[in-house]
Amino acid sequence: MRPSPAGTALYGGALVLLATGTVLGGALAGSHALFGSDYMTLNYPILAWAQRAWREAGELPLWLPHLFGGMPLLGSMNSGLLYPTELAACLTNLPPHRFYAWNAWLHEGIAGAGAAWMLAREGFARGPALWGGVCYALGGLVFTQLGVAATFTHRAVAWLPWLVGGIRGAIRNGIGSSRRDLLLAGGVLGLLWLTCAIQMIVFGACFLLVLQACERPAHAGRVAHPSPAGPGSVAGTCHPARVPGGTSFPCCRYSRAA
């Protein structure tokens, strides 16, 4: 029986949260702080300043007067104050060093859950899907962003499997009949915008175009392969797919007979 992608996502997220919590335990408790150039010169001071402005004036500042004679704050590429977790930190006055530790821990779990969910939807068994989720979340693309203090990038790559899975599901099931996948992909793109990960939005658009090229059925060139009779047999259809640049390769889909 094929494992539930939602259940696989829960297991994957829990495994990553457990592992990450072991590493970040001191920072989560407040006795340590994540260290890096952007944390010290950008994230901590801007969040602390925004929290003070909220306490004193009841509003988030639109203008940052301390750099270059003044510059936009909410409208710049250096602020993620409208991202849901950061906005909650502004309103609750959570100390910046503790917030960014808990924020990192949460998004590690989102990355692990998303990668495991996406792999389960692609047909992987639960074990390989969980292993893929753990490797993705604790691997170089995601976890090392904490060491270089790339907070916005860390959030974006945590949501990336959910974006890819949503887009693939929408294309596979048909754009017109896959509202849930489209809403998921659109919601993730909105979160990437709020965390100022504009480059990931461009990536999402390019990825969508490539997937459309690879997944588009070529009905005229589709070749059916009859399956042998009997339960457990596998039936498949193959059709050529072409990606930009002229490279073509077979795309095959298989289903197991009852």
C-alpha atoms as a PDB file:
ATOM      1  CA  MET A   1       0.000   0.000   0.000  1.00  0.00           C
ATOM      2  CA  ARG A   2       1.370   3.389  -0.978  1.00  0.00           C
ATOM      3  CA  PRO A   3       2.185   5.528   2.085  1.00  0.00           C
ATOM      4  CA  SER A   4       0.270   8.732   2.636  1.00  0.00           C
ATOM      5  CA  PRO A   5       2.308  11.792   1.548  1.00  0.00           C
ATOM      6  CA  ALA A   6       0.833  13.768   4.468  1.00  0.00           C
ATOM      7  CA  GLY A   7       1.875  11.118   6.980  1.00  0.00           C
ATOM      8  CA  THR A   8       5.332  10.895   5.433  1.00  0.00           C
ATOM      9  CA  ALA A   9       5.643  14.674   5.702  1.00  0.00           C
ATOM     10  CA  LEU A  10       4.791  14.573   9.418  1.00  0.00           C
ATOM     11  CA  TYR A  11       7.377  11.871  10.088  1.00  0.00           C
ATOM     12  CA  GLY A  12      10.018  13.648   8.022  1.00  0.00           C
ATOM     13  CA  GLY A  13       9.420  16.986   9.723  1.00  0.00           C
ATOM     14  CA  ALA A  14       9.529  15.384  13.177  1.00  0.00           C
ATOM     15  CA  LEU A  15      12.840  13.640  12.470  1.00  0.00           C
ATOM     16  CA  VAL A  16      14.454  16.854  11.252  1.00  0.00           C
ATOM     17  CA  LEU A  17      13.073  18.904  14.152  1.00  0.00           C
ATOM     18  CA  LEU A  18      14.489  16.384  16.610  1.00  0.00           C
ATOM     19  CA  ALA A  19      17.917  16.422  14.985  1.00  0.00           C
ATOM     20  CA  THR A  20      18.016  20.201  14.593  1.00  0.00           C
ATOM     21  CA  GLY A  21      16.781  20.773  18.140  1.00  0.00           C
ATOM     22  CA  THR A  22      19.728  18.751  19.424  1.00  0.00           C
ATOM     23  CA  VAL A  23      22.158  20.993  17.571  1.00  0.00           C
ATOM     24  CA  LEU A  24      20.418  24.309  18.310  1.00  0.00           C
ATOM     25  CA  GLY A  25      19.405  23.519  21.879  1.00  0.00           C
ATOM     26  CA  GLY A  26      21.451  26.303  23.456  1.00  0.00           C
ATOM     27  CA  ALA A  27      20.180  28.921  21.008  1.00  0.00           C
ATOM     28  CA  LEU A  28      16.584  27.770  21.459  1.00  0.00           C
ATOM     29  CA  ALA A  29      16.954  28.121  25.246  1.00  0.00           C
ATOM     30  CA  GLY A  30      18.425  31.611  24.860  1.00  0.00           C
ATOM     31  CA  SER A  31      21.840  30.854  26.346  1.00  0.00           C
ATOM     32  CA  HIS A  32      23.518  31.002  22.924  1.00  0.00           C
ATOM     33  CA  ALA A  33      22.889  32.921  19.712  1.00  0.00           C
ATOM     34  CA  LEU A  34      23.306  32.155  16.048  1.00  0.00           C
ATOM     35  CA  PHE A  35      26.356  34.043  14.864  1.00  0.00           C
ATOM     36  CA  GLY A  36      27.116  35.452  11.451  1.00  0.00           C
ATOM     37  CA  SER A  37      27.673  38.772   9.731  1.00  0.00           C
ATOM     38  CA  ASP A  38      24.054  39.249   8.664  1.00  0.00           C
ATOM     39  CA  TYR A  39      22.748  38.255  12.069  1.00  0.00           C
ATOM     40  CA  MET A  40      24.919  40.786  13.859  1.00  0.00           C
ATOM     41  CA  THR A  41      24.730  43.695  11.422  1.00  0.00           C
ATOM     42  CA  LEU A  42      21.281  43.262   9.871  1.00  0.00           C
ATOM     43  CA  ASN A  43      18.802  40.788  11.335  1.00  0.00           C
ATOM     44  CA  TYR A  44      19.191  41.361  15.074  1.00  0.00           C
ATOM     45  CA  PRO A  45      19.371  45.179  15.010  1.00  0.00           C
ATOM     46  CA  ILE A  46      16.563  45.694  12.465  1.00  0.00           C
ATOM     47  CA  LEU A  47      14.190  43.373  14.317  1.00  0.00           C
ATOM     48  CA  ALA A  48      15.020  44.993  17.661  1.00  0.00           C
ATOM     49  CA  TRP A  49      14.440  48.452  16.181  1.00  0.00           C
ATOM     50  CA  ALA A  50      11.124  47.386  14.620  1.00  0.00           C
ATOM     51  CA  GLN A  51      10.009  45.886  17.939  1.00  0.00           C
ATOM     52  CA  ARG A  52      10.784  49.142  19.746  1.00  0.00           C
ATOM     53  CA  ALA A  53       8.877  51.137  17.113  1.00  0.00           C
ATOM     54  CA  TRP A  54       5.876  48.847  17.561  1.00  0.00           C
ATOM     55  CA  ARG A  55       5.979  49.234  21.351  1.00  0.00           C
ATOM     56  CA  GLU A  56       6.288  53.014  21.215  1.00  0.00           C
ATOM     57  CA  ALA A  57       4.116  53.943  18.221  1.00  0.00           C
ATOM     58  CA  GLY A  58       2.013  50.859  17.551  1.00  0.00           C
ATOM     59  CA  GLU A  59       3.135  50.581  13.931  1.00  0.00           C
ATOM     60  CA  LEU A  60       5.908  49.060  11.880  1.00  0.00           C
ATOM     61  CA  PRO A  61       8.417  51.574  10.501  1.00  0.00           C
ATOM     62  CA  LEU A  62       8.366  52.156   6.772  1.00  0.00           C
ATOM     63  CA  TRP A  63      11.643  54.084   6.698  1.00  0.00           C
ATOM     64  CA  LEU A  64      15.103  53.131   7.937  1.00  0.00           C
ATOM     65  CA  PRO A  65      16.967  56.372   8.755  1.00  0.00           C
ATOM     66  CA  HIS A  66      20.266  54.803   9.825  1.00  0.00           C
ATOM     67  CA  LEU A  67      21.689  53.779   6.422  1.00  0.00           C
ATOM     68  CA  PHE A  68      22.676  55.902   3.400  1.00  0.00           C
ATOM     69  CA  GLY A  69      20.874  58.951   4.773  1.00  0.00           C
ATOM     70  CA  GLY A  70      17.664  56.926   4.942  1.00  0.00           C
ATOM     71  CA  MET A  71      16.132  54.146   2.855  1.00  0.00           C
ATOM     72  CA  PRO A  72      12.840  52.192   2.658  1.00  0.00           C
ATOM     73  CA  LEU A  73      12.543  49.405   5.201  1.00  0.00           C
ATOM     74  CA  LEU A  74       9.494  47.298   4.357  1.00  0.00           C
ATOM     75  CA  GLY A  75      10.010  47.968   0.659  1.00  0.00           C
ATOM     76  CA  SER A  76      13.684  47.002   0.589  1.00  0.00           C
ATOM     77  CA  MET A  77      15.455  43.706  -0.022  1.00  0.00           C
ATOM     78  CA  ASN A  78      16.898  43.787   3.491  1.00  0.00           C
ATOM     79  CA  SER A  79      13.718  43.328   5.487  1.00  0.00           C
ATOM     80  CA  GLY A  80      11.438  40.368   5.990  1.00  0.00           C
ATOM     81  CA  LEU A  81       9.307  42.013   8.663  1.00  0.00           C
ATOM     82  CA  LEU A  82       6.068  41.094   6.883  1.00  0.00           C
ATOM     83  CA  TYR A  83       6.953  37.407   6.771  1.00  0.00           C
ATOM     84  CA  PRO A  84       4.529  35.647   9.184  1.00  0.00           C
ATOM     85  CA  THR A  85       7.058  34.456  11.785  1.00  0.00           C
ATOM     86  CA  GLU A  86       8.989  37.733  11.786  1.00  0.00           C
ATOM     87  CA  LEU A  87       5.795  39.749  12.055  1.00  0.00           C
ATOM     88  CA  ALA A  88       4.801  37.611  15.053  1.00  0.00           C
ATOM     89  CA  ALA A  89       8.194  38.335  16.633  1.00  0.00           C
ATOM     90  CA  CYS A  90       7.588  42.073  16.201  1.00  0.00           C
ATOM     91  CA  LEU A  91       4.185  41.887  17.853  1.00  0.00           C
ATOM     92  CA  THR A  92       5.229  39.594  20.721  1.00  0.00           C
ATOM     93  CA  ASN A  93       8.560  41.287  21.443  1.00  0.00           C
ATOM     94  CA  LEU A  94      10.480  37.996  21.429  1.00  0.00           C
ATOM     95  CA  PRO A  95      14.233  38.694  21.811  1.00  0.00           C
ATOM     96  CA  PRO A  96      15.787  38.686  18.328  1.00  0.00           C
ATOM     97  CA  HIS A  97      18.466  36.082  19.062  1.00  0.00           C
ATOM     98  CA  ARG A  98      15.864  33.646  20.404  1.00  0.00           C
ATOM     99  CA  PHE A  99      13.448  34.358  17.573  1.00  0.00           C
ATOM    100  CA  TYR A 100      15.972  33.609  14.844  1.00  0.00           C
ATOM    101  CA  ALA A 101      16.939  30.350  16.564  1.00  0.00           C
ATOM    102  CA  TRP A 102      13.312  29.198  16.773  1.00  0.00           C
ATOM    103  CA  ASN A 103      12.693  30.459  13.241  1.00  0.00           C
ATOM    104  CA  ALA A 104      15.624  28.389  11.968  1.00  0.00           C
ATOM    105  CA  TRP A 105      14.406  25.303  13.836  1.00  0.00           C
ATOM    106  CA  LEU A 106      10.881  25.670  12.435  1.00  0.00           C
ATOM    107  CA  HIS A 107      12.036  26.075   8.840  1.00  0.00           C
ATOM    108  CA  GLU A 108      14.352  23.084   9.100  1.00  0.00           C
ATOM    109  CA  GLY A 109      11.241  21.068   9.916  1.00  0.00           C
ATOM    110  CA  ILE A 110       9.362  22.644   7.010  1.00  0.00           C
ATOM    111  CA  ALA A 111      12.217  21.672   4.670  1.00  0.00           C
ATOM    112  CA  GLY A 112      12.342  18.061   5.871  1.00  0.00           C
ATOM    113  CA  ALA A 113       8.574  17.663   5.765  1.00  0.00           C
ATOM    114  CA  GLY A 114       8.338  19.217   2.310  1.00  0.00           C
ATOM    115  CA  ALA A 115      11.048  17.093   0.741  1.00  0.00           C
ATOM    116  CA  ALA A 116       9.613  13.872   2.242  1.00  0.00           C
ATOM    117  CA  TRP A 117       6.107  14.863   1.078  1.00  0.00           C
ATOM    118  CA  MET A 118       7.266  15.634  -2.451  1.00  0.00           C
ATOM    119  CA  LEU A 119       9.158  12.332  -2.758  1.00  0.00           C
ATOM    120  CA  ALA A 120       6.162  10.380  -1.425  1.00  0.00           C
ATOM    121  CA  ARG A 121       3.945  12.029  -4.037  1.00  0.00           C
ATOM    122  CA  GLU A 122       6.440  10.988  -6.694  1.00  0.00           C
ATOM    123  CA  GLY A 123       5.933   7.352  -5.697  1.00  0.00           C
ATOM    124  CA  PHE A 124       8.865   6.720  -3.356  1.00  0.00           C
ATOM    125  CA  ALA A 125       8.349   4.349  -0.452  1.00  0.00           C
ATOM    126  CA  ARG A 126       8.208   5.878   3.018  1.00  0.00           C
ATOM    127  CA  GLY A 127      11.767   4.912   3.993  1.00  0.00           C
ATOM    128  CA  PRO A 128      13.525   6.499   0.986  1.00  0.00           C
ATOM    129  CA  ALA A 129      11.191   9.515   1.145  1.00  0.00           C
ATOM    130  CA  LEU A 130      12.038  10.105   4.812  1.00  0.00           C
ATOM    131  CA  TRP A 131      15.747   9.687   4.122  1.00  0.00           C
ATOM    132  CA  GLY A 132      15.509  12.175   1.267  1.00  0.00           C
ATOM    133  CA  GLY A 133      13.722  14.675   3.512  1.00  0.00           C
ATOM    134  CA  VAL A 134      16.352  14.398   6.239  1.00  0.00           C
ATOM    135  CA  CYS A 135      19.231  14.683   3.759  1.00  0.00           C
ATOM    136  CA  TYR A 136      17.670  17.726   2.108  1.00  0.00           C
ATOM    137  CA  ALA A 137      16.999  19.598   5.354  1.00  0.00           C
ATOM    138  CA  LEU A 138      20.341  18.798   6.962  1.00  0.00           C
ATOM    139  CA  GLY A 139      22.361  19.048   3.753  1.00  0.00           C
ATOM    140  CA  GLY A 140      24.420  21.835   2.285  1.00  0.00           C
ATOM    141  CA  LEU A 141      21.660  23.695   0.482  1.00  0.00           C
ATOM    142  CA  VAL A 142      19.530  24.262   3.596  1.00  0.00           C
ATOM    143  CA  PHE A 143      21.358  23.811   6.897  1.00  0.00           C
ATOM    144  CA  THR A 144      24.537  25.655   5.936  1.00  0.00           C
ATOM    145  CA  GLN A 145      22.501  28.808   5.289  1.00  0.00           C
ATOM    146  CA  LEU A 146      22.362  29.192   9.070  1.00  0.00           C
ATOM    147  CA  GLY A 147      26.149  29.363   9.261  1.00  0.00           C
ATOM    148  CA  VAL A 148      26.364  32.167   6.715  1.00  0.00           C
ATOM    149  CA  ALA A 149      23.372  33.950   8.285  1.00  0.00           C
ATOM    150  CA  ALA A 150      21.379  33.857   5.025  1.00  0.00           C
ATOM    151  CA  THR A 151      18.020  33.964   6.804  1.00  0.00           C
ATOM    152  CA  PHE A 152      15.950  34.846   3.750  1.00  0.00           C
ATOM    153  CA  THR A 153      17.573  32.136   1.633  1.00  0.00           C
ATOM    154  CA  HIS A 154      17.111  29.581   4.413  1.00  0.00           C
ATOM    155  CA  ARG A 155      13.383  30.270   4.534  1.00  0.00           C
ATOM    156  CA  ALA A 156      13.099  30.130   0.751  1.00  0.00           C
ATOM    157  CA  VAL A 157      14.868  26.792   0.298  1.00  0.00           C
ATOM    158  CA  ALA A 158      12.811  25.357   3.162  1.00  0.00           C
ATOM    159  CA  TRP A 159       9.653  26.059   1.148  1.00  0.00           C
ATOM    160  CA  LEU A 160      11.177  24.994  -2.177  1.00  0.00           C
ATOM    161  CA  PRO A 161      10.007  21.315  -2.094  1.00  0.00           C
ATOM    162  CA  TRP A 162       6.439  22.470  -1.434  1.00  0.00           C
ATOM    163  CA  LEU A 163       6.643  24.787  -4.437  1.00  0.00           C
ATOM    164  CA  VAL A 164       8.069  22.088  -6.696  1.00  0.00           C
ATOM    165  CA  GLY A 165       5.558  19.513  -5.471  1.00  0.00           C
ATOM    166  CA  GLY A 166       2.642  21.871  -5.998  1.00  0.00           C
ATOM    167  CA  ILE A 167       3.731  22.763  -9.521  1.00  0.00           C
ATOM    168  CA  ARG A 168       4.353  19.131 -10.465  1.00  0.00           C
ATOM    169  CA  GLY A 169       0.987  18.094  -9.066  1.00  0.00           C
ATOM    170  CA  ALA A 170      -0.805  20.848 -10.967  1.00  0.00           C
ATOM    171  CA  ILE A 171       0.815  19.851 -14.245  1.00  0.00           C
ATOM    172  CA  ARG A 172       0.389  16.119 -13.703  1.00  0.00           C
ATOM    173  CA  ASN A 173      -3.298  16.367 -12.741  1.00  0.00           C
ATOM    174  CA  GLY A 174      -4.157  19.155 -15.165  1.00  0.00           C
ATOM    175  CA  ILE A 175      -3.978  22.856 -14.449  1.00  0.00           C
ATOM    176  CA  GLY A 176      -7.736  23.265 -14.640  1.00  0.00           C
ATOM    177  CA  SER A 177      -8.546  20.454 -12.195  1.00  0.00           C
ATOM    178  CA  SER A 178      -5.853  20.900  -9.537  1.00  0.00           C
ATOM    179  CA  ARG A 179      -6.867  23.873  -7.444  1.00  0.00           C
ATOM    180  CA  ARG A 180      -5.249  22.552  -4.277  1.00  0.00           C
ATOM    181  CA  ASP A 181      -1.835  22.236  -5.914  1.00  0.00           C
ATOM    182  CA  LEU A 182      -2.178  25.650  -7.530  1.00  0.00           C
ATOM    183  CA  LEU A 183      -3.147  27.236  -4.206  1.00  0.00           C
ATOM    184  CA  LEU A 184      -0.168  25.569  -2.541  1.00  0.00           C
ATOM    185  CA  ALA A 185       2.265  26.807  -5.194  1.00  0.00           C
ATOM    186  CA  GLY A 186       0.754  30.298  -5.136  1.00  0.00           C
ATOM    187  CA  GLY A 187       0.875  30.453  -1.337  1.00  0.00           C
ATOM    188  CA  VAL A 188       4.538  29.445  -1.309  1.00  0.00           C
ATOM    189  CA  LEU A 189       5.362  32.072  -3.936  1.00  0.00           C
ATOM    190  CA  GLY A 190       3.645  34.652  -1.708  1.00  0.00           C
ATOM    191  CA  LEU A 191       5.767  33.590   1.265  1.00  0.00           C
ATOM    192  CA  LEU A 192       8.909  33.830  -0.865  1.00  0.00           C
ATOM    193  CA  TRP A 193       7.909  37.374  -1.792  1.00  0.00           C
ATOM    194  CA  LEU A 194       7.382  38.306   1.870  1.00  0.00           C
ATOM    195  CA  THR A 195      10.803  36.974   2.788  1.00  0.00           C
ATOM    196  CA  CYS A 196      12.408  38.888  -0.105  1.00  0.00           C
ATOM    197  CA  ALA A 197      13.544  35.752  -1.928  1.00  0.00           C
ATOM    198  CA  ILE A 198      12.930  37.238  -5.365  1.00  0.00           C
ATOM    199  CA  GLN A 199      15.471  34.910  -6.978  1.00  0.00           C
ATOM    200  CA  MET A 200      13.434  31.890  -5.865  1.00  0.00           C
ATOM    201  CA  ILE A 201      10.321  33.326  -7.500  1.00  0.00           C
ATOM    202  CA  VAL A 202      12.231  33.590 -10.781  1.00  0.00           C
ATOM    203  CA  PHE A 203      13.405  30.016 -10.294  1.00  0.00           C
ATOM    204  CA  GLY A 204       9.814  28.881  -9.722  1.00  0.00           C
ATOM    205  CA  ALA A 205       8.675  30.506 -12.959  1.00  0.00           C
ATOM    206  CA  CYS A 206      11.519  28.916 -14.947  1.00  0.00           C
ATOM    207  CA  PHE A 207      10.900  25.533 -13.327  1.00  0.00           C
ATOM    208  CA  LEU A 208       7.234  25.714 -14.306  1.00  0.00           C
ATOM    209  CA  LEU A 209       8.162  26.344 -17.943  1.00  0.00           C
ATOM    210  CA  VAL A 210      10.603  23.414 -18.009  1.00  0.00           C
ATOM    211  CA  LEU A 211       8.084  21.074 -16.400  1.00  0.00           C
ATOM    212  CA  GLN A 212       5.440  22.062 -18.902  1.00  0.00           C
ATOM    213  CA  ALA A 213       7.856  21.171 -21.695  1.00  0.00           C
ATOM    214  CA  CYS A 214       8.711  17.805 -20.106  1.00  0.00           C
ATOM    215  CA  GLU A 215       5.241  16.769 -18.959  1.00  0.00           C
ATOM    216  CA  ARG A 216       3.183  17.859 -21.987  1.00  0.00           C
ATOM    217  CA  PRO A 217       1.670  14.705 -23.503  1.00  0.00           C
ATOM    218  CA  ALA A 218       2.607  14.139 -27.101  1.00  0.00           C
ATOM    219  CA  HIS A 219      -0.493  12.172 -27.989  1.00  0.00           C
ATOM    220  CA  ALA A 220       0.533  11.664 -31.572  1.00  0.00           C
ATOM    221  CA  GLY A 221       3.808  10.067 -30.597  1.00  0.00           C
ATOM    222  CA  ARG A 222       2.595   8.053 -27.616  1.00  0.00           C
ATOM    223  CA  VAL A 223       3.317   4.344 -27.800  1.00  0.00           C
ATOM    224  CA  ALA A 224       1.322   1.948 -25.661  1.00  0.00           C
ATOM    225  CA  HIS A 225       3.047  -1.106 -24.219  1.00  0.00           C
ATOM    226  CA  PRO A 226       0.589  -3.894 -23.483  1.00  0.00           C
ATOM    227  CA  SER A 227       0.982  -5.413 -20.056  1.00  0.00           C
ATOM    228  CA  PRO A 228       1.093  -9.131 -19.425  1.00  0.00           C
ATOM    229  CA  ALA A 229      -2.061 -10.586 -17.999  1.00  0.00           C
ATOM    230  CA  GLY A 230      -2.426 -11.306 -14.325  1.00  0.00           C
ATOM    231  CA  PRO A 231      -2.379  -9.391 -11.075  1.00  0.00           C
ATOM    232  CA  GLY A 232       0.728  -7.403 -10.244  1.00  0.00           C
ATOM    233  CA  SER A 233       1.650  -6.811 -13.871  1.00  0.00           C
ATOM    234  CA  VAL A 234       2.804  -3.380 -14.937  1.00  0.00           C
ATOM    235  CA  ALA A 235       1.341  -1.358 -17.780  1.00  0.00           C
ATOM    236  CA  GLY A 236       3.028   1.688 -19.196  1.00  0.00           C
ATOM    237  CA  THR A 237       2.892   4.366 -21.844  1.00  0.00           C
ATOM    238  CA  CYS A 238       5.875   6.238 -23.185  1.00  0.00           C
ATOM    239  CA  HIS A 239       6.009   9.400 -25.199  1.00  0.00           C
ATOM    240  CA  PRO A 240       8.877  11.636 -26.270  1.00  0.00           C
ATOM    241  CA  ALA A 241       9.376  14.849 -24.332  1.00  0.00           C
ATOM    242  CA  ARG A 242      11.411  17.794 -25.533  1.00  0.00           C
ATOM    243  CA  VAL A 243      13.040  20.472 -23.392  1.00  0.00           C
ATOM    244  CA  PRO A 244      14.405  23.827 -24.543  1.00  0.00           C
ATOM    245  CA  GLY A 245      17.539  23.296 -26.603  1.00  0.00           C
ATOM    246  CA  GLY A 246      16.206  20.384 -28.612  1.00  0.00           C
ATOM    247  CA  THR A 247      17.098  17.497 -26.294  1.00  0.00           C
ATOM    248  CA  SER A 248      14.431  14.790 -26.239  1.00  0.00           C
ATOM    249  CA  PHE A 249      14.058  11.798 -23.961  1.00  0.00           C
ATOM    250  CA  PRO A 250      11.292   9.274 -23.219  1.00  0.00           C
ATOM    251  CA  CYS A 251       8.818  10.046 -20.427  1.00  0.00           C
ATOM    252  CA  CYS A 252       7.159   6.877 -19.168  1.00  0.00           C
ATOM    253  CA  ARG A 253       4.304   6.396 -16.724  1.00  0.00           C
ATOM    254  CA  TYR A 254       3.513   2.990 -15.237  1.00  0.00           C
ATOM    255  CA  SER A 255       0.562   1.606 -13.324  1.00  0.00           C
ATOM    256  CA  ARG A 256       0.259  -1.721 -11.584  1.00  0.00           C
ATOM    257  CA  ALA A 257      -2.645  -3.905 -12.599  1.00  0.00           C
ATOM    258  CA  ALA A 258      -5.038  -5.047  -9.877  1.00  0.00           C
END
